[in-house]
Amino acid sequence: MKFIFFLIIASTFLIGCKTINQKVDKASQNEQLKLSKFLQKSETELKIEFGKPDKIEKTDNRSIILIYYESKFKIRCERRFTINSLGVVKAFSSKNCF
């Protein structure tokens, strides 16, 4: 009887973890799609959508990185956009944004 109870609890836990993983994966894909729309767009278009960056970093190769922070449920989301010397978005990264 204990074994059957243990199997029920374990299977419920595993199904719950799988569902959460699927939701996180889907949210990550949506985030990537949203941010990829800014590739090859101007810095101005990016700022129209996201506003003034929270932080700006300069790189050695005359590019800049615009960093945007957002918090949800005490989880800090960080979005980074690399802007080349011509003012065009060349790359992005996203961490903890879902």
Protein backbone atom coordinates (compact mmCIF):
# COMPACT_ATOMS: atom_id res chain seq x y z
CA MET A 1 0.00 0.00 0.00
CA LYS A 2 2.84 2.38 0.87
CA PHE A 3 4.50 1.57 -2.44
CA ILE A 4 1.38 2.46 -4.44
CA PHE A 5 0.98 5.70 -2.48
CA PHE A 6 4.63 6.54 -3.17
CA LEU A 7 4.19 5.86 -6.91
CA ILE A 8 1.14 8.13 -7.07
CA ILE A 9 2.97 10.98 -5.32
CA ALA A 10 6.11 10.54 -7.43
CA SER A 11 4.22 10.44 -10.72
CA THR A 12 2.21 13.54 -9.78
CA PHE A 13 5.43 15.37 -8.97
CA LEU A 14 7.09 14.34 -12.24
CA ILE A 15 4.07 15.36 -14.33
CA GLY A 16 4.00 18.74 -12.57
CA CYS A 17 7.70 19.33 -13.30
CA LYS A 18 7.21 18.45 -16.96
CA THR A 19 4.32 20.91 -17.25
CA ILE A 20 6.37 23.71 -15.67
CA ASN A 21 9.31 22.99 -17.98
CA GLN A 22 7.03 23.15 -21.01
CA LYS A 23 5.62 26.49 -19.89
CA VAL A 24 9.09 27.95 -19.28
CA ASP A 25 10.31 26.69 -22.67
CA LYS A 26 7.32 28.25 -24.43
CA ALA A 27 7.82 31.57 -22.62
CA SER A 28 11.51 31.54 -23.57
CA GLN A 29 10.65 30.92 -27.22
CA ASN A 30 8.17 33.80 -27.17
CA GLU A 31 10.83 36.06 -25.64
CA GLN A 32 13.33 35.09 -28.35
CA LEU A 33 10.77 35.79 -31.09
CA LYS A 34 9.89 39.16 -29.58
CA LEU A 35 13.52 40.27 -29.30
CA SER A 36 14.62 38.89 -32.68
CA LYS A 37 12.28 41.40 -34.35
CA PHE A 38 14.73 44.13 -33.34
CA LEU A 39 17.71 42.63 -35.16
CA GLN A 40 18.87 44.94 -37.95
CA LYS A 41 16.60 47.71 -36.60
CA SER A 42 17.86 51.09 -35.44
CA GLU A 43 18.72 51.99 -31.87
CA THR A 44 15.92 54.57 -32.03
CA GLU A 45 13.30 51.91 -32.83
CA LEU A 46 14.55 49.84 -29.90
CA LYS A 47 14.29 52.81 -27.54
CA ILE A 48 10.77 53.58 -28.76
CA GLU A 49 9.71 50.08 -27.67
CA PHE A 50 11.76 49.69 -24.45
CA GLY A 51 12.43 53.29 -23.43
CA LYS A 52 15.62 54.61 -21.90
CA PRO A 53 18.05 51.80 -21.02
CA ASP A 54 18.83 51.15 -17.38
CA LYS A 55 22.52 50.77 -18.15
CA ILE A 56 24.85 51.36 -21.10
CA GLU A 57 28.17 49.54 -21.56
CA LYS A 58 30.80 50.42 -24.13
CA THR A 59 32.83 47.66 -25.78
CA ASP A 60 36.32 47.69 -27.24
CA ASN A 61 35.09 47.52 -30.84
CA ARG A 62 33.08 50.79 -30.73
CA SER A 63 29.80 49.00 -30.07
CA ILE A 64 27.56 49.68 -27.13
CA ILE A 65 25.34 47.39 -25.11
CA LEU A 66 21.98 48.69 -23.92
CA ILE A 67 20.74 46.87 -20.83
CA TYR A 68 17.14 46.81 -19.66
CA TYR A 69 16.00 45.40 -16.32
CA GLU A 70 12.51 44.33 -15.33
CA SER A 71 11.29 42.53 -12.22
CA LYS A 72 8.38 40.12 -11.91
CA PHE A 73 7.66 38.14 -8.77
CA LYS A 74 11.07 39.21 -7.38
CA ILE A 75 12.83 37.65 -10.41
CA ARG A 76 15.08 40.10 -12.21
CA CYS A 77 14.84 39.96 -15.99
CA GLU A 78 17.80 41.30 -17.98
CA ARG A 79 17.73 42.10 -21.69
CA ARG A 80 20.94 43.12 -23.46
CA PHE A 81 21.11 44.57 -26.98
CA THR A 82 24.39 45.08 -28.83
CA ILE A 83 24.37 48.18 -31.02
CA ASN A 84 27.10 48.58 -33.64
CA SER A 85 28.85 51.87 -34.53
CA LEU A 86 26.18 52.57 -37.16
CA GLY A 87 23.40 52.49 -34.55
CA VAL A 88 21.95 49.13 -35.63
CA VAL A 89 20.96 46.26 -33.32
CA LYS A 90 23.33 43.36 -34.05
CA ALA A 91 22.65 40.94 -31.18
CA PHE A 92 20.58 40.42 -28.07
CA SER A 93 20.43 38.22 -25.02
CA SER A 94 17.78 37.64 -22.41
CA LYS A 95 18.11 36.18 -18.94
CA ASN A 96 15.24 35.26 -16.58
CA CYS A 97 12.63 36.87 -18.84
CA PHE A 98 9.43 34.87 -19.10
